[in-house]
N, C-alpha and C. Protein backbone atom coordinates (compact mmCIF):
# COMPACT_ATOMS: atom_id res chain seq x y z
N UNK A 1 36.54 -4.89 44.37
CA UNK A 1 35.80 -6.03 43.95
C UNK A 1 34.36 -5.81 44.05
N UNK A 2 33.54 -6.27 43.08
CA UNK A 2 32.15 -5.82 43.04
C UNK A 2 31.47 -7.14 44.00
N UNK A 3 30.85 -6.73 45.04
CA UNK A 3 30.36 -7.71 45.94
C UNK A 3 29.20 -8.39 45.30
N UNK A 4 28.30 -7.90 44.53
CA UNK A 4 27.33 -8.40 43.97
C UNK A 4 27.57 -9.50 42.92
N UNK A 5 28.77 -9.30 42.05
CA UNK A 5 29.36 -10.31 41.45
C UNK A 5 29.98 -11.43 42.16
N UNK A 6 30.73 -11.10 43.25
CA UNK A 6 31.35 -12.09 43.97
C UNK A 6 30.22 -13.08 44.65
N UNK A 7 29.15 -12.50 45.04
CA UNK A 7 28.12 -13.46 45.73
C UNK A 7 27.43 -14.29 44.61
N UNK A 8 27.35 -13.68 43.22
CA UNK A 8 26.78 -14.56 42.44
C UNK A 8 27.75 -15.81 41.99
N UNK A 9 29.12 -15.48 42.00
CA UNK A 9 30.00 -16.40 41.68
C UNK A 9 30.03 -17.49 42.73
N UNK A 10 29.87 -17.08 44.01
CA UNK A 10 29.91 -18.00 45.05
C UNK A 10 28.81 -19.21 44.80
N UNK A 11 27.72 -18.74 44.38
CA UNK A 11 26.45 -19.72 44.26
C UNK A 11 26.47 -20.37 42.86
N UNK A 12 27.50 -19.95 41.91
CA UNK A 12 27.54 -20.63 40.70
C UNK A 12 28.35 -21.93 40.76
N UNK A 13 27.83 -22.90 40.36
CA UNK A 13 28.49 -24.31 40.26
C UNK A 13 29.75 -24.35 39.29
N UNK A 14 29.54 -23.96 38.30
CA UNK A 14 30.81 -23.84 37.26
C UNK A 14 30.35 -22.92 36.19
N UNK A 15 31.33 -22.24 35.41
CA UNK A 15 30.89 -21.29 34.38
C UNK A 15 30.19 -22.19 33.27
N UNK A 16 30.33 -23.58 33.05
CA UNK A 16 29.73 -24.28 32.16
C UNK A 16 28.14 -24.23 32.30
N UNK A 17 27.63 -23.73 33.39
CA UNK A 17 26.10 -23.66 33.73
C UNK A 17 25.64 -22.75 32.59
N UNK A 18 26.45 -21.88 32.21
CA UNK A 18 25.78 -20.91 31.03
C UNK A 18 25.34 -21.54 29.84
N UNK A 19 25.83 -22.78 29.54
CA UNK A 19 25.61 -23.44 28.40
C UNK A 19 24.32 -24.28 28.48
N UNK A 20 23.57 -24.22 29.63
CA UNK A 20 22.15 -24.98 29.96
C UNK A 20 21.22 -24.29 28.90
N UNK A 21 20.39 -25.33 28.32
CA UNK A 21 19.49 -24.96 27.33
C UNK A 21 18.06 -24.58 28.01
N UNK A 22 17.84 -24.99 29.09
CA UNK A 22 16.53 -24.87 29.62
C UNK A 22 15.82 -26.13 30.02
N UNK A 23 14.56 -26.16 30.00
CA UNK A 23 13.81 -27.40 30.16
C UNK A 23 13.15 -27.96 28.88
N UNK A 24 13.18 -29.29 28.88
CA UNK A 24 12.50 -30.06 27.72
C UNK A 24 11.29 -30.81 28.44
N UNK A 25 10.24 -30.42 28.05
CA UNK A 25 8.99 -30.89 28.84
C UNK A 25 8.38 -32.09 27.96
N UNK A 26 8.27 -33.20 28.63
CA UNK A 26 7.43 -34.46 28.20
C UNK A 26 6.03 -34.06 27.93
N UNK A 27 5.33 -34.92 27.12
CA UNK A 27 4.10 -34.53 26.92
C UNK A 27 2.93 -34.66 28.10
N UNK A 28 3.42 -35.56 28.99
CA UNK A 28 2.60 -35.81 30.23
C UNK A 28 2.71 -34.66 31.21
N UNK A 29 3.69 -33.75 30.97
CA UNK A 29 3.90 -32.69 31.93
C UNK A 29 3.69 -31.21 31.24
N UNK A 30 3.11 -31.22 30.17
CA UNK A 30 3.03 -30.08 28.99
C UNK A 30 2.19 -29.00 29.85
N UNK A 31 1.36 -29.26 30.72
CA UNK A 31 0.70 -28.13 31.31
C UNK A 31 1.71 -27.32 32.32
N UNK A 32 2.91 -27.62 32.58
CA UNK A 32 3.93 -27.00 33.31
C UNK A 32 4.85 -26.00 32.54
N UNK A 33 4.71 -26.00 31.39
CA UNK A 33 5.45 -25.31 30.42
C UNK A 33 5.40 -23.80 30.87
N UNK A 34 4.06 -23.21 31.18
CA UNK A 34 4.02 -21.95 31.59
C UNK A 34 4.77 -21.42 32.83
N UNK A 35 5.16 -22.40 33.57
CA UNK A 35 5.95 -22.08 34.79
C UNK A 35 7.33 -21.70 34.70
N UNK A 36 7.84 -22.14 33.48
CA UNK A 36 9.35 -22.02 33.36
C UNK A 36 9.56 -20.91 32.24
N UNK A 37 10.70 -20.02 32.38
CA UNK A 37 10.91 -19.08 31.17
C UNK A 37 11.61 -19.84 30.05
N UNK A 38 12.30 -20.80 30.26
CA UNK A 38 13.15 -21.34 29.25
C UNK A 38 12.67 -22.86 29.09
N UNK A 39 11.61 -23.06 28.64
CA UNK A 39 10.95 -24.51 28.63
C UNK A 39 10.48 -24.56 27.08
N UNK A 40 10.62 -25.85 26.67
CA UNK A 40 9.96 -26.13 25.38
C UNK A 40 9.36 -27.68 25.45
N UNK A 41 8.28 -27.96 24.45
CA UNK A 41 7.96 -29.26 24.57
C UNK A 41 8.88 -30.17 23.70
N UNK A 42 8.83 -31.38 24.25
CA UNK A 42 9.84 -32.41 23.46
C UNK A 42 9.24 -32.60 22.20
N UNK A 43 10.18 -32.67 21.09
CA UNK A 43 9.70 -33.09 19.64
C UNK A 43 9.70 -34.66 19.66
N UNK A 44 10.53 -35.27 20.53
CA UNK A 44 10.61 -36.77 20.46
C UNK A 44 9.43 -37.45 20.85
N UNK A 45 8.97 -38.57 20.22
CA UNK A 45 7.77 -39.17 20.55
C UNK A 45 7.98 -40.26 21.74
N UNK A 46 9.23 -40.55 21.90
CA UNK A 46 9.21 -41.86 23.04
C UNK A 46 10.34 -41.42 23.93
N UNK A 47 10.39 -42.07 25.41
CA UNK A 47 11.37 -41.65 26.36
C UNK A 47 12.72 -41.63 26.01
N UNK A 48 13.19 -42.82 25.29
CA UNK A 48 14.67 -42.61 24.93
C UNK A 48 14.99 -41.60 23.81
N UNK A 49 14.06 -41.31 22.93
CA UNK A 49 14.26 -40.16 22.16
C UNK A 49 14.41 -38.94 22.85
N UNK A 50 13.57 -38.70 23.93
CA UNK A 50 13.53 -37.49 24.69
C UNK A 50 14.85 -37.33 25.55
N UNK A 51 15.38 -38.37 26.05
CA UNK A 51 16.73 -38.40 26.58
C UNK A 51 17.69 -37.88 25.63
N UNK A 52 17.79 -38.51 24.50
CA UNK A 52 18.65 -38.02 23.48
C UNK A 52 18.53 -36.62 23.12
N UNK A 53 17.27 -36.13 22.93
CA UNK A 53 17.00 -34.69 22.55
C UNK A 53 17.47 -33.62 23.69
N UNK A 54 17.33 -34.06 24.94
CA UNK A 54 17.70 -33.31 26.10
C UNK A 54 19.21 -33.20 26.05
N UNK A 55 19.94 -34.38 25.93
CA UNK A 55 21.31 -34.34 25.76
C UNK A 55 21.87 -33.36 24.65
N UNK A 56 21.28 -33.57 23.48
CA UNK A 56 21.61 -32.79 22.42
C UNK A 56 21.54 -31.21 22.48
N UNK A 57 20.37 -30.91 23.31
CA UNK A 57 19.96 -29.52 23.55
C UNK A 57 20.37 -29.05 24.83
N UNK A 58 21.20 -29.84 25.77
CA UNK A 58 21.63 -29.35 27.13
C UNK A 58 20.31 -28.98 27.95
N UNK A 59 19.41 -29.61 28.05
CA UNK A 59 18.22 -29.18 28.66
C UNK A 59 17.92 -30.28 29.78
N UNK A 60 17.20 -29.91 30.70
CA UNK A 60 16.73 -30.75 31.86
C UNK A 60 15.22 -31.19 31.62
N UNK A 61 15.13 -32.48 31.55
CA UNK A 61 13.80 -33.26 31.28
C UNK A 61 12.77 -32.92 32.36
N UNK A 62 11.64 -32.51 32.01
CA UNK A 62 10.51 -32.31 32.89
C UNK A 62 9.50 -33.44 32.61
N UNK A 63 9.06 -34.29 33.48
CA UNK A 63 8.15 -35.41 33.24
C UNK A 63 7.34 -35.66 34.60
N UNK A 64 6.38 -36.30 34.27
CA UNK A 64 5.45 -37.12 35.52
C UNK A 64 5.88 -38.46 35.62
N UNK A 65 6.56 -38.88 34.51
CA UNK A 65 6.90 -40.16 34.48
C UNK A 65 8.26 -40.53 34.70
N UNK A 66 8.65 -40.53 36.03
CA UNK A 66 9.92 -40.43 36.51
C UNK A 66 10.74 -41.83 36.45
N UNK A 67 9.93 -43.02 36.65
CA UNK A 67 10.46 -44.45 36.47
C UNK A 67 11.06 -44.69 35.26
N UNK A 68 10.36 -44.49 34.44
CA UNK A 68 10.87 -45.04 32.92
C UNK A 68 12.10 -44.17 32.69
N UNK A 69 12.02 -42.82 32.81
CA UNK A 69 13.01 -41.85 32.52
C UNK A 69 14.39 -42.08 33.27
N UNK A 70 14.30 -42.68 34.59
CA UNK A 70 15.47 -43.05 35.33
C UNK A 70 16.06 -44.18 34.62
N UNK A 71 15.42 -45.15 34.26
CA UNK A 71 15.98 -46.25 33.61
C UNK A 71 16.80 -45.87 32.16
N UNK A 72 16.06 -44.99 31.49
CA UNK A 72 16.61 -44.64 30.09
C UNK A 72 17.75 -43.66 30.20
N UNK A 73 17.77 -42.92 31.17
CA UNK A 73 18.75 -41.83 31.62
C UNK A 73 20.00 -42.52 32.04
N UNK A 74 19.81 -43.58 32.84
CA UNK A 74 21.02 -44.33 33.31
C UNK A 74 21.69 -45.12 32.13
N UNK A 75 20.80 -45.88 31.12
CA UNK A 75 21.33 -46.52 30.12
C UNK A 75 22.12 -45.56 29.20
N UNK A 76 21.62 -44.41 28.89
CA UNK A 76 22.20 -43.37 27.97
C UNK A 76 23.64 -43.03 28.64
N UNK A 77 23.69 -42.54 29.93
CA UNK A 77 24.80 -42.03 30.55
C UNK A 77 25.77 -43.15 30.77
N UNK A 78 25.62 -44.41 30.80
CA UNK A 78 26.59 -45.48 31.31
C UNK A 78 26.34 -46.60 30.37
N UNK A 79 26.47 -46.25 28.95
CA UNK A 79 26.55 -47.47 28.14
C UNK A 79 27.73 -48.43 28.29
N UNK A 80 27.66 -49.78 27.93
CA UNK A 80 29.01 -50.55 28.25
C UNK A 80 30.04 -49.92 27.20
N UNK A 81 31.32 -49.95 27.76
CA UNK A 81 32.40 -49.71 26.94
C UNK A 81 32.39 -48.28 26.35
N UNK A 82 31.81 -47.38 27.11
CA UNK A 82 31.65 -45.83 26.67
C UNK A 82 32.80 -45.20 26.89
N UNK A 83 33.59 -44.75 25.45
CA UNK A 83 34.83 -44.04 25.64
C UNK A 83 34.67 -42.48 25.79
N UNK A 84 33.41 -41.96 25.93
CA UNK A 84 33.16 -40.46 26.13
C UNK A 84 32.03 -40.38 26.97
N UNK A 85 31.97 -39.09 27.60
CA UNK A 85 31.09 -38.85 28.48
C UNK A 85 29.78 -38.41 27.90
N UNK A 86 28.59 -38.67 28.56
CA UNK A 86 27.40 -38.24 28.06
C UNK A 86 26.59 -38.02 29.29
N UNK A 87 26.91 -37.20 30.07
CA UNK A 87 26.08 -36.74 31.31
C UNK A 87 24.97 -35.89 30.72
N UNK A 88 23.95 -36.03 31.36
CA UNK A 88 22.77 -35.23 31.04
C UNK A 88 22.69 -33.82 31.90
N UNK A 89 21.69 -33.19 31.79
CA UNK A 89 21.54 -32.02 32.52
C UNK A 89 20.32 -32.06 33.49
N UNK A 90 20.09 -33.32 33.97
CA UNK A 90 19.13 -33.46 35.15
C UNK A 90 17.77 -33.91 34.66
N UNK A 91 16.95 -34.31 35.73
CA UNK A 91 15.47 -34.71 35.47
C UNK A 91 14.81 -34.20 36.67
N UNK A 92 13.70 -33.53 36.34
CA UNK A 92 12.55 -33.01 37.21
C UNK A 92 11.27 -33.72 37.06
N UNK A 93 10.95 -34.46 38.14
CA UNK A 93 9.85 -35.19 37.99
C UNK A 93 8.64 -34.59 38.80
N UNK A 94 7.59 -34.18 38.32
CA UNK A 94 6.53 -33.52 38.94
C UNK A 94 5.25 -34.28 38.94
N UNK A 95 4.50 -33.96 40.15
CA UNK A 95 3.23 -34.84 40.44
C UNK A 95 2.27 -34.61 38.95
N UNK A 96 1.52 -35.67 39.02
CA UNK A 96 0.45 -35.71 37.95
C UNK A 96 -0.77 -34.86 38.08
N UNK A 97 -1.16 -34.73 39.48
CA UNK A 97 -2.31 -33.89 39.83
C UNK A 97 -2.06 -32.43 39.56
N UNK A 98 -2.79 -31.78 38.88
CA UNK A 98 -2.78 -30.34 38.38
C UNK A 98 -2.52 -29.39 39.55
N UNK A 99 -3.35 -29.48 40.60
CA UNK A 99 -3.31 -28.66 41.70
C UNK A 99 -2.06 -28.84 42.53
N UNK A 100 -1.50 -30.02 42.72
CA UNK A 100 -0.29 -30.36 43.34
C UNK A 100 0.76 -29.92 42.50
N UNK A 101 0.75 -29.98 41.28
CA UNK A 101 1.78 -29.54 40.30
C UNK A 101 1.98 -28.00 40.52
N UNK A 102 0.96 -27.52 40.31
CA UNK A 102 1.00 -25.95 40.37
C UNK A 102 1.50 -25.41 41.63
N UNK A 103 1.10 -26.11 42.92
CA UNK A 103 1.59 -25.53 44.05
C UNK A 103 3.16 -25.74 44.26
N UNK A 104 3.55 -27.07 44.03
CA UNK A 104 4.87 -27.41 43.91
C UNK A 104 5.89 -26.68 43.06
N UNK A 105 5.28 -26.26 41.83
CA UNK A 105 6.08 -25.71 40.89
C UNK A 105 6.38 -24.18 41.35
N UNK A 106 5.68 -23.57 41.85
CA UNK A 106 5.67 -22.11 42.63
C UNK A 106 6.94 -22.26 43.44
N UNK A 107 7.16 -23.32 44.28
CA UNK A 107 8.16 -23.46 45.24
C UNK A 107 9.62 -23.50 44.66
N UNK A 108 9.56 -24.01 43.42
CA UNK A 108 10.90 -24.29 42.91
C UNK A 108 11.13 -23.43 41.53
N UNK A 109 10.30 -22.62 41.26
CA UNK A 109 10.18 -21.82 39.88
C UNK A 109 11.71 -21.29 39.69
N UNK A 110 12.18 -20.63 40.71
CA UNK A 110 13.68 -19.89 40.42
C UNK A 110 14.75 -20.79 40.88
N UNK A 111 14.48 -21.95 41.48
CA UNK A 111 15.77 -22.75 41.72
C UNK A 111 15.40 -23.64 43.11
N UNK A 112 16.34 -24.36 43.50
CA UNK A 112 16.19 -25.24 44.63
C UNK A 112 16.66 -24.75 45.99
N UNK A 113 15.99 -24.89 46.94
CA UNK A 113 16.56 -24.45 48.35
C UNK A 113 17.19 -25.54 48.93
N UNK A 114 18.46 -25.49 48.95
CA UNK A 114 19.33 -26.51 49.39
C UNK A 114 20.60 -25.91 50.26
N UNK A 115 21.10 -26.64 51.21
CA UNK A 115 22.33 -25.97 51.99
C UNK A 115 22.19 -24.79 52.70
N UNK A 116 20.89 -24.47 53.06
CA UNK A 116 20.39 -23.32 53.98
C UNK A 116 21.00 -21.99 53.45
N UNK A 117 21.23 -22.12 52.07
CA UNK A 117 21.75 -20.67 51.46
C UNK A 117 20.64 -20.31 50.32
N UNK A 118 21.31 -19.25 49.58
CA UNK A 118 20.56 -18.76 48.34
C UNK A 118 20.25 -19.99 47.45
N UNK A 119 19.03 -19.84 46.85
CA UNK A 119 18.63 -20.99 46.14
C UNK A 119 19.66 -21.50 44.96
N UNK A 120 19.78 -22.55 44.77
CA UNK A 120 20.57 -23.13 43.62
C UNK A 120 19.86 -23.00 42.35
N UNK A 121 20.29 -21.98 41.58
CA UNK A 121 19.51 -21.74 40.27
C UNK A 121 19.49 -23.03 39.34
N UNK A 122 18.54 -23.01 38.56
CA UNK A 122 18.40 -24.20 37.66
C UNK A 122 19.47 -24.57 36.64
N UNK A 123 20.15 -23.37 36.17
CA UNK A 123 21.47 -23.87 35.42
C UNK A 123 22.48 -24.59 36.26
N UNK A 124 22.75 -24.26 37.48
CA UNK A 124 23.61 -25.10 38.28
C UNK A 124 23.13 -26.36 38.63
N UNK A 125 21.78 -26.54 38.96
CA UNK A 125 21.23 -27.76 39.35
C UNK A 125 21.24 -28.74 37.97
N UNK A 126 21.12 -28.27 36.84
CA UNK A 126 21.40 -28.92 35.52
C UNK A 126 22.68 -29.52 35.29
N UNK A 127 23.73 -28.59 35.65
CA UNK A 127 25.09 -28.88 35.38
C UNK A 127 25.50 -29.98 36.44
N UNK A 128 24.80 -30.00 37.79
CA UNK A 128 25.21 -31.05 38.61
C UNK A 128 24.43 -32.39 38.12
N UNK A 129 23.58 -32.43 37.26
CA UNK A 129 22.98 -33.49 36.67
C UNK A 129 22.01 -34.17 38.05
N UNK A 130 21.21 -33.23 38.52
CA UNK A 130 20.31 -33.56 39.82
C UNK A 130 19.10 -34.51 38.98
N UNK A 131 18.59 -35.20 40.07
CA UNK A 131 17.28 -35.92 39.83
C UNK A 131 16.62 -35.17 41.04
N UNK A 132 15.50 -34.33 40.51
CA UNK A 132 14.54 -33.79 41.51
C UNK A 132 13.23 -34.17 41.34
N UNK A 133 12.64 -34.73 42.38
CA UNK A 133 11.30 -35.23 42.59
C UNK A 133 10.41 -34.39 43.33
N UNK A 134 9.51 -33.66 42.84
CA UNK A 134 8.56 -32.69 43.59
C UNK A 134 7.54 -33.64 44.11
N UNK A 135 7.26 -33.49 45.25
CA UNK A 135 6.10 -34.15 45.79
C UNK A 135 4.83 -33.37 45.91
N UNK A 136 3.68 -34.00 46.19
CA UNK A 136 2.32 -33.31 46.16
C UNK A 136 2.18 -32.38 47.14
N UNK A 137 3.17 -32.26 48.13
CA UNK A 137 3.09 -31.25 49.16
C UNK A 137 3.97 -30.06 48.95
N UNK A 138 4.63 -30.03 47.76
CA UNK A 138 5.59 -29.16 47.38
C UNK A 138 7.03 -29.12 47.90
N UNK A 139 7.41 -30.35 48.41
CA UNK A 139 8.71 -30.54 48.62
C UNK A 139 9.33 -31.17 47.57
N UNK A 140 10.72 -30.98 47.68
CA UNK A 140 11.68 -31.56 46.55
C UNK A 140 12.64 -32.57 47.13
N UNK A 141 12.56 -33.83 46.59
CA UNK A 141 13.60 -34.81 47.06
C UNK A 141 14.62 -34.51 45.91
N UNK A 142 15.87 -34.43 46.37
CA UNK A 142 16.98 -34.26 45.54
C UNK A 142 18.17 -35.30 45.54
N UNK A 143 18.41 -35.69 44.50
CA UNK A 143 19.63 -36.68 44.25
C UNK A 143 20.57 -36.51 43.19
N UNK A 144 21.67 -36.81 43.11
CA UNK A 144 22.58 -36.82 41.97
C UNK A 144 22.70 -37.98 41.19
N UNK A 145 22.68 -37.85 39.94
CA UNK A 145 23.02 -39.02 39.20
C UNK A 145 24.56 -39.20 39.10
N UNK A 146 24.97 -40.41 39.00
CA UNK A 146 26.35 -40.68 39.02
C UNK A 146 26.97 -39.85 37.60
N UNK A 147 28.13 -39.22 37.94
CA UNK A 147 28.70 -38.48 36.90
C UNK A 147 29.55 -39.39 36.07
N UNK A 148 29.86 -39.14 34.89
CA UNK A 148 30.76 -39.75 34.12
C UNK A 148 32.24 -39.75 34.67
N UNK A 149 33.03 -40.83 34.77
CA UNK A 149 34.27 -40.82 35.31
C UNK A 149 35.28 -39.61 34.67
N UNK A 150 35.06 -39.39 33.31
CA UNK A 150 35.81 -38.26 32.77
C UNK A 150 35.57 -36.96 33.35
N UNK A 151 34.26 -36.54 33.78
CA UNK A 151 33.86 -35.38 34.23
C UNK A 151 34.45 -35.33 35.87
N UNK A 152 34.62 -36.47 36.36
CA UNK A 152 35.01 -36.52 37.87
C UNK A 152 36.72 -36.26 37.77
N UNK A 153 37.34 -36.37 36.70
CA UNK A 153 38.79 -36.51 36.74
C UNK A 153 39.32 -35.23 37.38
N UNK A 154 40.13 -35.44 38.30
CA UNK A 154 40.70 -34.15 39.27
C UNK A 154 41.46 -33.01 38.35
N UNK A 155 42.12 -33.54 37.13
CA UNK A 155 42.81 -32.59 36.44
C UNK A 155 41.91 -32.14 35.14
N UNK A 156 41.39 -33.04 34.35
CA UNK A 156 40.81 -32.88 33.17
C UNK A 156 39.34 -32.74 33.29
N UNK A 157 38.63 -32.96 34.38
CA UNK A 157 37.46 -33.08 34.53
C UNK A 157 36.75 -31.63 34.74
N UNK A 158 35.32 -31.65 34.99
CA UNK A 158 34.62 -30.38 35.31
C UNK A 158 34.89 -30.00 36.67
N UNK A 159 35.60 -28.87 36.98
CA UNK A 159 35.71 -28.37 38.25
C UNK A 159 34.18 -27.81 38.68
N UNK A 160 34.00 -28.31 40.00
CA UNK A 160 32.61 -27.78 40.71
C UNK A 160 32.97 -27.01 41.81
N UNK A 161 32.59 -25.72 41.72
CA UNK A 161 32.79 -24.86 42.85
C UNK A 161 32.19 -25.27 44.21
N UNK A 162 32.92 -24.69 45.27
CA UNK A 162 32.34 -24.96 46.51
C UNK A 162 31.16 -24.06 46.87
N UNK A 163 30.21 -24.71 47.60
CA UNK A 163 30.04 -25.78 48.33
C UNK A 163 29.48 -27.00 47.57
N UNK A 164 29.21 -26.80 46.30
CA UNK A 164 28.53 -27.89 45.60
C UNK A 164 29.40 -29.10 45.11
N UNK A 165 30.76 -28.85 45.36
CA UNK A 165 31.55 -30.04 44.94
C UNK A 165 31.68 -31.21 45.93
N UNK A 166 31.19 -30.92 47.24
CA UNK A 166 30.80 -31.89 48.36
C UNK A 166 29.60 -32.24 48.50
N UNK A 167 28.64 -31.78 47.89
CA UNK A 167 27.20 -32.02 47.98
C UNK A 167 26.67 -33.22 47.27
């Protein structure tokens, strides 16, 4: 068995993370585009439109405007009487101040340092639908959005590899 391949698989959340489209950057965070290899500026002009665009393109939203996006994401993912899943690919909220933003983005450029292990790469963080808030001192507060009940189904849902399935 190839040890390198086995190690990579251990830190993979699920094979579906390969479907991740990259980052979708809101206008208020456009200066962060250069920090990410797979980032584009959002074409939509309003926050609900950006949420829809991110879902369509399987991208993680990057913004400095976390409060409004939290509301729109929750409304999008959990509409009343929703017969289908609409889990997004996460939200990254970065500081407004340019210097704090640059310092913090360097610490998470390749992934998130969690569980005292190898960094969780961004495609995996996106598949887990994480809400990451980068602070001015470069720390990352990490929470998970509630997943769609269909995604959590033990037989037909998305299987999340260990250790990410209990995190």
